[in-house]
Amino acid sequence: MPGTPRAGIIPVTPFQQNCTLIWDDATKIGAVVDPGGDLDRIEAAIREQGVQVEKILLTHGHVDHAAGADELRERLGVPVEGPHRADKFLLDSLPETAANYGLGEARAVTPDRWLDEGDAVTVGDLGFDILHCPGHSPGSVVFVSRDARFALVGDVVFKGSVGRTDLPGGNHDQLIRAIKEKVLPLGDDLAFIPGHGPTGTLGEERVSNPFLQD
């Protein structure tokens, strides 16, 4: 019997990135998604919810999403899963990128498991299917819980917008194609947690997102 998913958003870094703590309500087993920084704040949220974190998930390799992943892996003693291997160059250059943005020290991170289209990830009794959705970054992935009808989309799509594509490896046409061909077909009722800003549903975005209108 699948557990009931719960999620708490922890805004981190000056970019106010939505680091998300997800967990199975029955078992309290969970994961930290996109720990970009402010690790003390993330660990406080873990303690507050009483969650036993079993892994760290990365939607992509940009500094505001991944800069804290290696240190948090060390603190919690858990593996890192994701993103797609195409973001390796971003993860390798995290120390330089963090310095360039004035974000302090950051470590490069090599995931314990790279993710690809069609892979599956478990968090406790929760199951997620992986969609490779390049465009914002070459290795961006989306975590989809078909049973619970929600997805963690990183910076692929936002409420009323889409991910920027002017960063290294970005491609606007590729991003729009991934959203239209992979994400929107998941169904109008599917709720999503983006990497920044408010949550939404795919139905709202299909109808009103100006970037997704033909």
N, C-alpha and C. Protein backbone atom coordinates (compact mmCIF):
# COMPACT_ATOMS: atom_id res chain seq x y z
N MET A 1 0.86 -1.20 0.00
CA MET A 1 0.00 0.00 0.00
C MET A 1 0.90 1.24 0.00
N PRO A 2 0.81 2.09 -1.03
CA PRO A 2 1.66 3.29 -1.05
C PRO A 2 1.35 4.20 0.12
N GLY A 3 2.40 4.85 0.63
CA GLY A 3 2.20 5.79 1.72
C GLY A 3 1.59 7.09 1.23
N THR A 4 1.24 7.94 2.19
CA THR A 4 0.72 9.26 1.85
C THR A 4 1.88 10.25 1.84
N PRO A 5 2.12 10.91 0.70
CA PRO A 5 3.26 11.82 0.64
C PRO A 5 2.97 13.14 1.34
N ARG A 6 4.00 13.65 1.99
CA ARG A 6 3.93 14.99 2.57
C ARG A 6 5.13 15.76 2.04
N ALA A 7 5.01 17.08 1.98
CA ALA A 7 6.11 17.90 1.47
C ALA A 7 6.15 19.21 2.23
N GLY A 8 7.36 19.65 2.52
CA GLY A 8 7.57 20.95 3.12
C GLY A 8 8.63 21.70 2.35
N ILE A 9 8.36 22.94 2.00
CA ILE A 9 9.30 23.74 1.21
C ILE A 9 10.15 24.60 2.13
N ILE A 10 11.46 24.55 1.93
CA ILE A 10 12.42 25.32 2.73
C ILE A 10 13.16 26.25 1.77
N PRO A 11 12.81 27.54 1.69
CA PRO A 11 13.52 28.44 0.79
C PRO A 11 14.97 28.62 1.24
N VAL A 12 15.92 28.41 0.32
CA VAL A 12 17.33 28.51 0.65
C VAL A 12 18.06 29.39 -0.36
N THR A 13 19.19 29.91 0.06
CA THR A 13 20.11 30.73 -0.74
C THR A 13 19.45 32.08 -1.07
N PRO A 14 20.25 33.07 -1.48
CA PRO A 14 19.68 34.35 -1.90
C PRO A 14 18.73 34.23 -3.10
N PHE A 15 18.79 33.09 -3.80
CA PHE A 15 17.89 32.87 -4.93
C PHE A 15 16.52 32.37 -4.49
N GLN A 16 16.32 32.18 -3.16
CA GLN A 16 15.05 31.67 -2.62
C GLN A 16 14.60 30.41 -3.36
N GLN A 17 15.51 29.47 -3.45
CA GLN A 17 15.26 28.20 -4.13
C GLN A 17 14.43 27.30 -3.22
N ASN A 18 13.45 26.62 -3.80
CA ASN A 18 12.58 25.75 -3.04
C ASN A 18 13.25 24.41 -2.76
N CYS A 19 14.10 24.35 -1.75
CA CYS A 19 14.54 23.04 -1.26
C CYS A 19 13.30 22.37 -0.66
N THR A 20 13.05 21.13 -1.03
CA THR A 20 11.82 20.46 -0.59
C THR A 20 12.14 19.21 0.22
N LEU A 21 11.53 19.12 1.37
CA LEU A 21 11.60 17.91 2.19
C LEU A 21 10.34 17.10 1.90
N ILE A 22 10.51 15.89 1.36
CA ILE A 22 9.36 15.03 1.09
C ILE A 22 9.47 13.80 1.98
N TRP A 23 8.32 13.28 2.40
CA TRP A 23 8.36 12.09 3.24
C TRP A 23 7.05 11.33 3.15
N ASP A 24 7.13 10.08 3.55
CA ASP A 24 5.99 9.18 3.61
C ASP A 24 5.38 9.34 5.00
N ASP A 25 4.13 9.75 5.06
CA ASP A 25 3.51 10.08 6.34
C ASP A 25 3.43 8.88 7.28
N ALA A 26 3.30 7.69 6.71
CA ALA A 26 3.16 6.49 7.54
C ALA A 26 4.49 6.11 8.20
N THR A 27 5.57 6.17 7.44
CA THR A 27 6.86 5.68 7.93
C THR A 27 7.80 6.79 8.39
N LYS A 28 7.50 8.04 7.97
CA LYS A 28 8.37 9.20 8.24
C LYS A 28 9.72 9.08 7.54
N ILE A 29 9.83 8.20 6.55
CA ILE A 29 11.04 8.10 5.75
C ILE A 29 10.94 9.11 4.61
N GLY A 30 12.02 9.87 4.39
CA GLY A 30 11.93 10.94 3.41
C GLY A 30 13.22 11.21 2.66
N ALA A 31 13.19 12.31 1.90
CA ALA A 31 14.33 12.74 1.11
C ALA A 31 14.37 14.25 1.08
N VAL A 32 15.59 14.78 0.90
CA VAL A 32 15.78 16.22 0.70
C VAL A 32 16.01 16.45 -0.79
N VAL A 33 15.21 17.32 -1.39
CA VAL A 33 15.32 17.61 -2.81
C VAL A 33 15.97 18.98 -3.00
N ASP A 34 17.08 19.01 -3.72
CA ASP A 34 17.77 20.25 -4.10
C ASP A 34 18.24 21.10 -2.91
N PRO A 35 19.16 20.55 -2.10
CA PRO A 35 19.73 21.33 -1.00
C PRO A 35 20.80 22.30 -1.50
N GLY A 36 20.39 23.47 -1.91
CA GLY A 36 21.32 24.43 -2.50
C GLY A 36 22.21 25.14 -1.50
N GLY A 37 21.83 25.12 -0.23
CA GLY A 37 22.59 25.80 0.81
C GLY A 37 21.78 25.91 2.07
N ASP A 38 22.24 26.73 3.02
CA ASP A 38 21.53 26.93 4.29
C ASP A 38 21.22 25.58 4.95
N LEU A 39 22.27 24.76 5.11
CA LEU A 39 22.05 23.40 5.58
C LEU A 39 21.53 23.33 7.00
N ASP A 40 21.88 24.29 7.85
CA ASP A 40 21.36 24.28 9.22
C ASP A 40 19.84 24.45 9.21
N ARG A 41 19.36 25.28 8.31
CA ARG A 41 17.91 25.49 8.20
C ARG A 41 17.22 24.21 7.70
N ILE A 42 17.87 23.53 6.75
CA ILE A 42 17.30 22.28 6.23
C ILE A 42 17.27 21.23 7.34
N GLU A 43 18.36 21.12 8.10
CA GLU A 43 18.40 20.11 9.17
C GLU A 43 17.39 20.43 10.27
N ALA A 44 17.15 21.71 10.52
CA ALA A 44 16.13 22.08 11.52
C ALA A 44 14.75 21.62 11.06
N ALA A 45 14.46 21.76 9.77
CA ALA A 45 13.17 21.32 9.24
C ALA A 45 13.02 19.81 9.33
N ILE A 46 14.12 19.09 9.07
CA ILE A 46 14.10 17.63 9.19
C ILE A 46 13.75 17.22 10.62
N ARG A 47 14.40 17.88 11.60
CA ARG A 47 14.12 17.55 13.02
C ARG A 47 12.70 17.92 13.40
N GLU A 48 12.26 19.08 12.92
CA GLU A 48 10.91 19.56 13.28
C GLU A 48 9.83 18.59 12.81
N GLN A 49 10.01 18.00 11.62
CA GLN A 49 9.02 17.07 11.09
C GLN A 49 9.25 15.63 11.53
N GLY A 50 10.39 15.38 12.17
CA GLY A 50 10.69 14.03 12.62
C GLY A 50 10.92 13.06 11.48
N VAL A 51 11.53 13.56 10.41
CA VAL A 51 11.73 12.74 9.21
C VAL A 51 13.07 12.02 9.28
N GLN A 52 13.08 10.76 8.87
CA GLN A 52 14.32 10.00 8.71
C GLN A 52 14.71 10.08 7.24
N VAL A 53 15.68 10.94 6.93
CA VAL A 53 16.08 11.15 5.54
C VAL A 53 16.93 9.97 5.07
N GLU A 54 16.52 9.35 3.94
CA GLU A 54 17.28 8.21 3.42
C GLU A 54 18.05 8.54 2.14
N LYS A 55 17.78 9.71 1.54
CA LYS A 55 18.54 10.08 0.36
C LYS A 55 18.34 11.55 0.04
N ILE A 56 19.23 12.06 -0.82
CA ILE A 56 19.14 13.42 -1.35
C ILE A 56 18.88 13.30 -2.84
N LEU A 57 17.92 14.06 -3.34
CA LEU A 57 17.57 14.04 -4.76
C LEU A 57 17.92 15.38 -5.39
N LEU A 58 18.51 15.35 -6.58
CA LEU A 58 18.84 16.57 -7.31
C LEU A 58 18.08 16.60 -8.64
N THR A 59 17.36 17.70 -8.88
CA THR A 59 16.67 17.86 -10.16
C THR A 59 17.62 18.31 -11.26
N HIS A 60 18.64 19.08 -10.89
CA HIS A 60 19.65 19.52 -11.87
C HIS A 60 20.86 20.09 -11.13
N GLY A 61 21.85 20.53 -11.90
CA GLY A 61 23.14 20.84 -11.31
C GLY A 61 23.43 22.29 -11.02
N HIS A 62 22.46 23.18 -11.12
CA HIS A 62 22.75 24.60 -10.87
C HIS A 62 23.05 24.86 -9.40
N VAL A 63 23.83 25.90 -9.16
CA VAL A 63 24.41 26.14 -7.84
C VAL A 63 23.36 26.31 -6.75
N ASP A 64 22.24 26.98 -7.05
CA ASP A 64 21.23 27.22 -6.03
C ASP A 64 20.45 25.96 -5.67
N HIS A 65 20.61 24.91 -6.45
CA HIS A 65 19.93 23.64 -6.19
C HIS A 65 20.87 22.58 -5.61
N ALA A 66 22.16 22.67 -5.95
CA ALA A 66 23.05 21.54 -5.66
C ALA A 66 24.25 21.86 -4.79
N ALA A 67 24.50 23.14 -4.48
CA ALA A 67 25.76 23.51 -3.82
C ALA A 67 25.92 22.90 -2.43
N GLY A 68 24.83 22.57 -1.75
CA GLY A 68 24.94 21.99 -0.42
C GLY A 68 24.87 20.48 -0.39
N ALA A 69 24.74 19.86 -1.56
CA ALA A 69 24.45 18.42 -1.60
C ALA A 69 25.57 17.56 -1.03
N ASP A 70 26.82 17.87 -1.36
CA ASP A 70 27.91 17.02 -0.90
C ASP A 70 28.08 17.11 0.61
N GLU A 71 28.01 18.33 1.14
CA GLU A 71 28.15 18.46 2.59
C GLU A 71 26.97 17.84 3.32
N LEU A 72 25.76 17.99 2.79
CA LEU A 72 24.59 17.38 3.45
C LEU A 72 24.68 15.86 3.39
N ARG A 73 25.17 15.33 2.27
CA ARG A 73 25.39 13.88 2.17
C ARG A 73 26.31 13.41 3.29
N GLU A 74 27.37 14.18 3.55
CA GLU A 74 28.31 13.82 4.61
C GLU A 74 27.66 13.93 5.99
N ARG A 75 26.90 15.00 6.21
CA ARG A 75 26.26 15.19 7.53
C ARG A 75 25.25 14.08 7.83
N LEU A 76 24.46 13.70 6.82
CA LEU A 76 23.37 12.75 7.05
C LEU A 76 23.77 11.31 6.78
N GLY A 77 24.87 11.11 6.06
CA GLY A 77 25.30 9.75 5.74
C GLY A 77 24.35 9.05 4.79
N VAL A 78 23.87 9.78 3.77
CA VAL A 78 22.91 9.22 2.82
C VAL A 78 23.41 9.46 1.38
N PRO A 79 22.93 8.69 0.41
CA PRO A 79 23.37 8.87 -0.97
C PRO A 79 22.64 10.02 -1.67
N VAL A 80 23.27 10.47 -2.76
CA VAL A 80 22.68 11.47 -3.66
C VAL A 80 22.26 10.78 -4.94
N GLU A 81 21.01 11.02 -5.36
CA GLU A 81 20.50 10.45 -6.61
C GLU A 81 20.06 11.60 -7.53
N GLY A 82 20.49 11.53 -8.80
CA GLY A 82 20.18 12.57 -9.76
C GLY A 82 21.24 13.65 -9.75
N PRO A 83 21.23 14.49 -10.78
CA PRO A 83 20.31 14.50 -11.92
C PRO A 83 20.82 13.56 -13.02
N HIS A 84 20.53 13.90 -14.27
CA HIS A 84 21.06 13.17 -15.43
C HIS A 84 22.53 13.52 -15.60
N ARG A 85 23.29 12.58 -16.14
CA ARG A 85 24.73 12.75 -16.27
C ARG A 85 25.12 13.97 -17.12
N ALA A 86 24.22 14.46 -17.95
CA ALA A 86 24.53 15.62 -18.79
C ALA A 86 24.83 16.88 -17.97
N ASP A 87 24.48 16.88 -16.68
CA ASP A 87 24.77 18.03 -15.82
C ASP A 87 26.07 17.86 -15.05
N LYS A 88 26.89 16.87 -15.39
CA LYS A 88 28.14 16.63 -14.67
C LYS A 88 29.03 17.87 -14.68
N PHE A 89 29.07 18.60 -15.81
CA PHE A 89 29.95 19.77 -15.89
C PHE A 89 29.51 20.86 -14.91
N LEU A 90 28.22 20.95 -14.64
CA LEU A 90 27.73 21.93 -13.67
C LEU A 90 28.08 21.51 -12.25
N LEU A 91 27.93 20.23 -11.95
CA LEU A 91 28.23 19.74 -10.61
C LEU A 91 29.72 19.81 -10.32
N ASP A 92 30.54 19.56 -11.34
CA ASP A 92 32.00 19.64 -11.17
C ASP A 92 32.46 21.07 -10.89
N SER A 93 31.73 22.05 -11.42
CA SER A 93 32.17 23.45 -11.31
C SER A 93 31.46 24.23 -10.20
N LEU A 94 30.78 23.52 -9.29
CA LEU A 94 30.06 24.21 -8.22
C LEU A 94 30.94 25.12 -7.37
N PRO A 95 32.18 24.75 -7.02
CA PRO A 95 33.00 25.66 -6.20
C PRO A 95 33.23 27.00 -6.89
N GLU A 96 33.56 26.97 -8.19
CA GLU A 96 33.80 28.22 -8.92
C GLU A 96 32.52 29.02 -9.09
N THR A 97 31.43 28.33 -9.40
CA THR A 97 30.16 29.04 -9.60
C THR A 97 29.69 29.71 -8.32
N ALA A 98 29.80 29.01 -7.20
CA ALA A 98 29.39 29.59 -5.92
C ALA A 98 30.22 30.82 -5.60
N ALA A 99 31.52 30.76 -5.86
CA ALA A 99 32.39 31.91 -5.62
C ALA A 99 32.00 33.08 -6.51
N ASN A 100 31.68 32.80 -7.76
CA ASN A 100 31.30 33.85 -8.71
C ASN A 100 30.02 34.56 -8.28
N TYR A 101 29.11 33.83 -7.65
CA TYR A 101 27.83 34.41 -7.22
C TYR A 101 27.89 34.93 -5.78
N GLY A 102 29.06 34.86 -5.15
CA GLY A 102 29.19 35.33 -3.78
C GLY A 102 28.45 34.47 -2.78
N LEU A 103 28.34 33.16 -3.07
CA LEU A 103 27.59 32.26 -2.20
C LEU A 103 28.48 31.52 -1.20
N GLY A 104 29.74 31.91 -1.11
CA GLY A 104 30.63 31.25 -0.17
C GLY A 104 31.18 29.96 -0.73
N GLU A 105 31.67 29.12 0.15
CA GLU A 105 32.30 27.88 -0.29
C GLU A 105 31.25 26.83 -0.65
N ALA A 106 31.53 26.10 -1.69
CA ALA A 106 30.68 24.98 -2.09
C ALA A 106 31.59 23.87 -2.60
N ARG A 107 31.10 22.65 -2.50
CA ARG A 107 31.86 21.49 -2.95
C ARG A 107 31.27 20.98 -4.26
N ALA A 108 32.15 20.49 -5.13
CA ALA A 108 31.67 19.71 -6.27
C ALA A 108 30.97 18.46 -5.73
N VAL A 109 30.05 17.94 -6.50
CA VAL A 109 29.35 16.73 -6.05
C VAL A 109 29.23 15.75 -7.20
N THR A 110 29.55 14.49 -6.91
CA THR A 110 29.30 13.40 -7.85
C THR A 110 28.20 12.54 -7.25
N PRO A 111 27.04 12.45 -7.91
CA PRO A 111 25.95 11.65 -7.36
C PRO A 111 26.34 10.18 -7.19
N ASP A 112 25.73 9.53 -6.22
CA ASP A 112 25.89 8.09 -6.08
C ASP A 112 25.16 7.35 -7.18
N ARG A 113 24.16 8.01 -7.76
CA ARG A 113 23.40 7.41 -8.85
C ARG A 113 22.95 8.51 -9.80
N TRP A 114 23.37 8.40 -11.06
CA TRP A 114 22.83 9.27 -12.10
C TRP A 114 21.46 8.74 -12.50
N LEU A 115 20.57 9.62 -12.95
CA LEU A 115 19.22 9.21 -13.34
C LEU A 115 18.99 9.46 -14.82
N ASP A 116 18.17 8.61 -15.41
CA ASP A 116 17.86 8.72 -16.83
C ASP A 116 16.36 8.51 -17.04
N GLU A 117 15.92 8.87 -18.22
CA GLU A 117 14.52 8.68 -18.62
C GLU A 117 14.09 7.25 -18.33
N GLY A 118 12.96 7.10 -17.62
CA GLY A 118 12.43 5.77 -17.37
C GLY A 118 12.91 5.13 -16.09
N ASP A 119 13.90 5.72 -15.41
CA ASP A 119 14.34 5.19 -14.13
C ASP A 119 13.25 5.39 -13.08
N ALA A 120 13.36 4.67 -11.97
CA ALA A 120 12.45 4.82 -10.85
C ALA A 120 13.25 5.11 -9.59
N VAL A 121 12.69 5.95 -8.73
CA VAL A 121 13.30 6.32 -7.46
C VAL A 121 12.27 6.06 -6.37
N THR A 122 12.72 5.48 -5.26
CA THR A 122 11.81 5.27 -4.13
C THR A 122 12.25 6.12 -2.95
N VAL A 123 11.27 6.58 -2.20
CA VAL A 123 11.48 7.29 -0.94
C VAL A 123 10.53 6.65 0.05
N GLY A 124 11.05 5.78 0.92
CA GLY A 124 10.16 5.00 1.76
C GLY A 124 9.27 4.15 0.87
N ASP A 125 7.95 4.25 1.06
CA ASP A 125 7.00 3.52 0.22
C ASP A 125 6.52 4.35 -0.96
N LEU A 126 7.07 5.56 -1.14
CA LEU A 126 6.68 6.41 -2.27
C LEU A 126 7.54 6.07 -3.49
N GLY A 127 6.92 6.08 -4.65
CA GLY A 127 7.64 5.80 -5.88
C GLY A 127 7.57 6.97 -6.85
N PHE A 128 8.69 7.26 -7.50
CA PHE A 128 8.77 8.34 -8.48
C PHE A 128 9.34 7.82 -9.79
N ASP A 129 8.70 8.19 -10.90
CA ASP A 129 9.23 7.93 -12.22
C ASP A 129 10.07 9.12 -12.65
N ILE A 130 11.12 8.86 -13.44
CA ILE A 130 12.05 9.92 -13.86
C ILE A 130 11.81 10.29 -15.31
N LEU A 131 11.66 11.58 -15.56
CA LEU A 131 11.61 12.13 -16.91
C LEU A 131 12.85 13.00 -17.11
N HIS A 132 13.58 12.76 -18.18
CA HIS A 132 14.72 13.62 -18.52
C HIS A 132 14.17 14.77 -19.35
N CYS A 133 14.26 16.00 -18.82
CA CYS A 133 13.65 17.17 -19.45
C CYS A 133 14.69 18.27 -19.65
N PRO A 134 15.58 18.11 -20.63
CA PRO A 134 16.62 19.11 -20.85
C PRO A 134 16.07 20.41 -21.40
N GLY A 135 16.88 21.46 -21.31
CA GLY A 135 16.48 22.77 -21.84
C GLY A 135 16.88 23.87 -20.90
N HIS A 136 16.48 23.77 -19.63
CA HIS A 136 16.97 24.71 -18.61
C HIS A 136 18.43 24.38 -18.32
N SER A 137 18.70 23.11 -18.14
CA SER A 137 20.06 22.58 -18.10
C SER A 137 20.01 21.27 -18.87
N PRO A 138 21.16 20.80 -19.38
CA PRO A 138 21.13 19.57 -20.19
C PRO A 138 20.67 18.33 -19.43
N GLY A 139 20.90 18.32 -18.11
CA GLY A 139 20.60 17.13 -17.34
C GLY A 139 19.42 17.24 -16.39
N SER A 140 18.54 18.21 -16.60
CA SER A 140 17.39 18.38 -15.71
C SER A 140 16.48 17.14 -15.74
N VAL A 141 16.04 16.73 -14.56
CA VAL A 141 15.08 15.63 -14.47
C VAL A 141 13.87 16.07 -13.65
N VAL A 142 12.74 15.41 -13.91
CA VAL A 142 11.50 15.62 -13.18
C VAL A 142 11.15 14.32 -12.46
N PHE A 143 10.80 14.44 -11.17
CA PHE A 143 10.39 13.29 -10.36
C PHE A 143 8.86 13.26 -10.31
N VAL A 144 8.27 12.19 -10.80
CA VAL A 144 6.80 12.12 -10.92
C VAL A 144 6.26 11.00 -10.04
N SER A 145 5.37 11.36 -9.11
CA SER A 145 4.62 10.36 -8.34
C SER A 145 3.25 10.22 -8.99
N ARG A 146 3.10 9.19 -9.81
CA ARG A 146 1.82 9.02 -10.51
C ARG A 146 0.70 8.66 -9.54
N ASP A 147 1.01 7.86 -8.50
CA ASP A 147 0.00 7.47 -7.52
C ASP A 147 -0.51 8.68 -6.74
N ALA A 148 0.42 9.51 -6.28
CA ALA A 148 0.04 10.65 -5.44
C ALA A 148 -0.32 11.89 -6.26
N ARG A 149 -0.10 11.83 -7.58
CA ARG A 149 -0.47 12.92 -8.50
C ARG A 149 0.27 14.21 -8.18
N PHE A 150 1.59 14.09 -8.00
CA PHE A 150 2.38 15.30 -7.89
C PHE A 150 3.78 15.06 -8.43
N ALA A 151 4.45 16.15 -8.77
CA ALA A 151 5.79 16.05 -9.35
C ALA A 151 6.69 17.13 -8.78
N LEU A 152 7.98 16.81 -8.72
CA LEU A 152 9.03 17.77 -8.37
C LEU A 152 9.71 18.12 -9.69
N VAL A 153 9.54 19.36 -10.14
CA VAL A 153 9.92 19.70 -11.51
C VAL A 153 11.18 20.56 -11.61
N GLY A 154 11.80 20.88 -10.47
CA GLY A 154 12.99 21.73 -10.54
C GLY A 154 12.68 23.04 -11.25
N ASP A 155 13.56 23.45 -12.16
CA ASP A 155 13.35 24.71 -12.89
C ASP A 155 12.87 24.46 -14.31
N VAL A 156 12.21 23.32 -14.55
CA VAL A 156 11.67 23.05 -15.88
C VAL A 156 10.47 23.95 -16.16
N VAL A 157 9.52 23.97 -15.23
CA VAL A 157 8.32 24.80 -15.41
C VAL A 157 7.96 25.43 -14.07
N PHE A 158 7.46 26.65 -14.14
CA PHE A 158 7.01 27.38 -12.96
C PHE A 158 5.55 27.75 -13.12
N LYS A 159 4.94 28.23 -12.06
CA LYS A 159 3.59 28.77 -12.16
C LYS A 159 3.66 30.04 -13.01
N GLY A 160 3.15 29.97 -14.23
CA GLY A 160 3.12 31.11 -15.12
C GLY A 160 4.39 31.36 -15.90
N SER A 161 5.38 30.46 -15.81
CA SER A 161 6.63 30.69 -16.52
C SER A 161 7.33 29.35 -16.76
N VAL A 162 8.53 29.43 -17.34
CA VAL A 162 9.37 28.25 -17.55
C VAL A 162 10.79 28.61 -17.16
N GLY A 163 11.64 27.61 -17.08
CA GLY A 163 13.02 27.84 -16.70
C GLY A 163 13.76 28.70 -17.70
N ARG A 164 14.70 29.49 -17.23
CA ARG A 164 15.52 30.31 -18.12
C ARG A 164 16.43 29.40 -18.92
N THR A 165 16.76 29.83 -20.13
CA THR A 165 17.56 28.98 -21.01
C THR A 165 18.79 29.71 -21.53
N ASP A 166 19.18 30.79 -20.83
CA ASP A 166 20.35 31.57 -21.27
C ASP A 166 21.62 31.21 -20.49
N LEU A 167 21.55 30.13 -19.71
CA LEU A 167 22.72 29.66 -18.97
C LEU A 167 23.42 28.56 -19.77
N PRO A 168 24.66 28.21 -19.43
CA PRO A 168 25.40 27.21 -20.22
C PRO A 168 24.62 25.91 -20.40
N GLY A 169 24.50 25.49 -21.65
CA GLY A 169 23.78 24.25 -21.95
C GLY A 169 22.29 24.43 -22.10
N GLY A 170 21.79 25.66 -21.95
CA GLY A 170 20.35 25.89 -22.06
C GLY A 170 19.89 25.88 -23.51
N ASN A 171 18.61 25.51 -23.72
CA ASN A 171 18.04 25.47 -25.06
C ASN A 171 16.53 25.63 -24.94
N HIS A 172 16.02 26.79 -25.37
CA HIS A 172 14.61 27.10 -25.16
C HIS A 172 13.69 26.13 -25.90
N ASP A 173 13.99 25.87 -27.17
CA ASP A 173 13.12 24.96 -27.94
C ASP A 173 13.08 23.58 -27.31
N GLN A 174 14.22 23.11 -26.85
CA GLN A 174 14.30 21.80 -26.19
C GLN A 174 13.46 21.78 -24.92
N LEU A 175 13.52 22.87 -24.16
CA LEU A 175 12.75 22.94 -22.91
C LEU A 175 11.25 22.89 -23.18
N ILE A 176 10.78 23.72 -24.11
CA ILE A 176 9.35 23.76 -24.41
C ILE A 176 8.88 22.40 -24.92
N ARG A 177 9.70 21.77 -25.75
CA ARG A 177 9.33 20.44 -26.28
C ARG A 177 9.22 19.43 -25.14
N ALA A 178 10.16 19.47 -24.18
CA ALA A 178 10.11 18.54 -23.05
C ALA A 178 8.85 18.75 -22.22
N ILE A 179 8.51 20.01 -21.98
CA ILE A 179 7.31 20.30 -21.18
C ILE A 179 6.06 19.79 -21.90
N LYS A 180 5.95 20.11 -23.20
CA LYS A 180 4.74 19.76 -23.94
C LYS A 180 4.62 18.26 -24.20
N GLU A 181 5.76 17.60 -24.44
CA GLU A 181 5.71 16.19 -24.82
C GLU A 181 5.80 15.23 -23.65
N LYS A 182 6.42 15.67 -22.53
CA LYS A 182 6.62 14.77 -21.40
C LYS A 182 5.85 15.16 -20.15
N VAL A 183 5.83 16.47 -19.85
CA VAL A 183 5.26 16.90 -18.56
C VAL A 183 3.75 17.11 -18.65
N LEU A 184 3.28 17.91 -19.59
CA LEU A 184 1.84 18.19 -19.67
C LEU A 184 0.99 16.93 -19.86
N PRO A 185 1.45 15.92 -20.62
CA PRO A 185 0.64 14.71 -20.77
C PRO A 185 0.42 13.93 -19.48
N LEU A 186 1.11 14.30 -18.40
CA LEU A 186 0.90 13.61 -17.13
C LEU A 186 -0.50 13.85 -16.57
N GLY A 187 -1.17 14.91 -17.04
CA GLY A 187 -2.56 15.12 -16.63
C GLY A 187 -2.79 16.46 -15.94
N ASP A 188 -3.94 17.06 -16.24
CA ASP A 188 -4.26 18.38 -15.71
C ASP A 188 -4.33 18.42 -14.19
N ASP A 189 -4.66 17.29 -13.56
CA ASP A 189 -4.84 17.28 -12.11
C ASP A 189 -3.51 17.18 -11.36
N LEU A 190 -2.42 16.94 -12.08
CA LEU A 190 -1.13 16.73 -11.41
C LEU A 190 -0.62 18.04 -10.81
N ALA A 191 -0.34 18.03 -9.52
CA ALA A 191 0.24 19.20 -8.84
C ALA A 191 1.75 19.13 -8.95
N PHE A 192 2.39 20.30 -8.94
CA PHE A 192 3.85 20.29 -9.03
C PHE A 192 4.46 21.28 -8.05
N ILE A 193 5.66 20.94 -7.60
CA ILE A 193 6.47 21.84 -6.77
C ILE A 193 7.65 22.26 -7.64
N PRO A 194 7.75 23.55 -7.97
CA PRO A 194 8.85 24.02 -8.80
C PRO A 194 10.06 24.39 -7.95
N GLY A 195 11.15 24.73 -8.63
CA GLY A 195 12.38 25.11 -7.94
C GLY A 195 12.36 26.49 -7.34
N HIS A 196 11.41 27.32 -7.75
CA HIS A 196 11.26 28.66 -7.21
C HIS A 196 9.77 29.02 -7.28
N GLY A 197 9.32 29.83 -6.34
CA GLY A 197 7.96 30.36 -6.42
C GLY A 197 6.88 29.37 -5.99
N PRO A 198 5.60 29.73 -6.26
CA PRO A 198 4.48 28.93 -5.75
C PRO A 198 4.26 27.63 -6.52
N THR A 199 3.57 26.72 -5.86
CA THR A 199 3.18 25.46 -6.49
C THR A 199 2.03 25.71 -7.47
N GLY A 200 1.74 24.71 -8.29
CA GLY A 200 0.66 24.84 -9.27
C GLY A 200 0.17 23.49 -9.72
N THR A 201 -0.69 23.50 -10.74
CA THR A 201 -1.14 22.26 -11.38
C THR A 201 -0.86 22.36 -12.87
N LEU A 202 -0.69 21.21 -13.50
CA LEU A 202 -0.39 21.21 -14.93
C LEU A 202 -1.57 21.74 -15.74
N GLY A 203 -2.78 21.53 -15.25
CA GLY A 203 -3.95 22.04 -15.97
C GLY A 203 -3.94 23.56 -16.07
N GLU A 204 -3.58 24.21 -14.96
CA GLU A 204 -3.49 25.68 -14.98
C GLU A 204 -2.44 26.14 -15.98
N GLU A 205 -1.30 25.46 -15.99
CA GLU A 205 -0.21 25.88 -16.88
C GLU A 205 -0.56 25.61 -18.34
N ARG A 206 -1.21 24.52 -18.61
CA ARG A 206 -1.59 24.20 -19.99
C ARG A 206 -2.48 25.28 -20.57
N VAL A 207 -3.36 25.83 -19.73
CA VAL A 207 -4.33 26.81 -20.20
C VAL A 207 -3.77 28.23 -20.20
N SER A 208 -2.98 28.58 -19.15
CA SER A 208 -2.67 29.99 -18.94
C SER A 208 -1.19 30.37 -19.02
N ASN A 209 -0.29 29.38 -19.03
CA ASN A 209 1.13 29.72 -19.06
C ASN A 209 1.48 30.30 -20.44
N PRO A 210 1.90 31.58 -20.50
CA PRO A 210 2.11 32.20 -21.81
C PRO A 210 3.19 31.53 -22.64
N PHE A 211 4.12 30.81 -22.00
CA PHE A 211 5.20 30.15 -22.75
C PHE A 211 4.75 28.85 -23.40
N LEU A 212 3.57 28.36 -23.02
CA LEU A 212 3.12 27.07 -23.50
C LEU A 212 1.93 27.16 -24.46
N GLN A 213 1.61 28.39 -24.86
CA GLN A 213 0.51 28.57 -25.81
C GLN A 213 1.06 28.54 -27.23
N ASP A 214 0.36 27.87 -28.13
CA ASP A 214 0.81 27.82 -29.53
C ASP A 214 0.53 29.12 -30.25
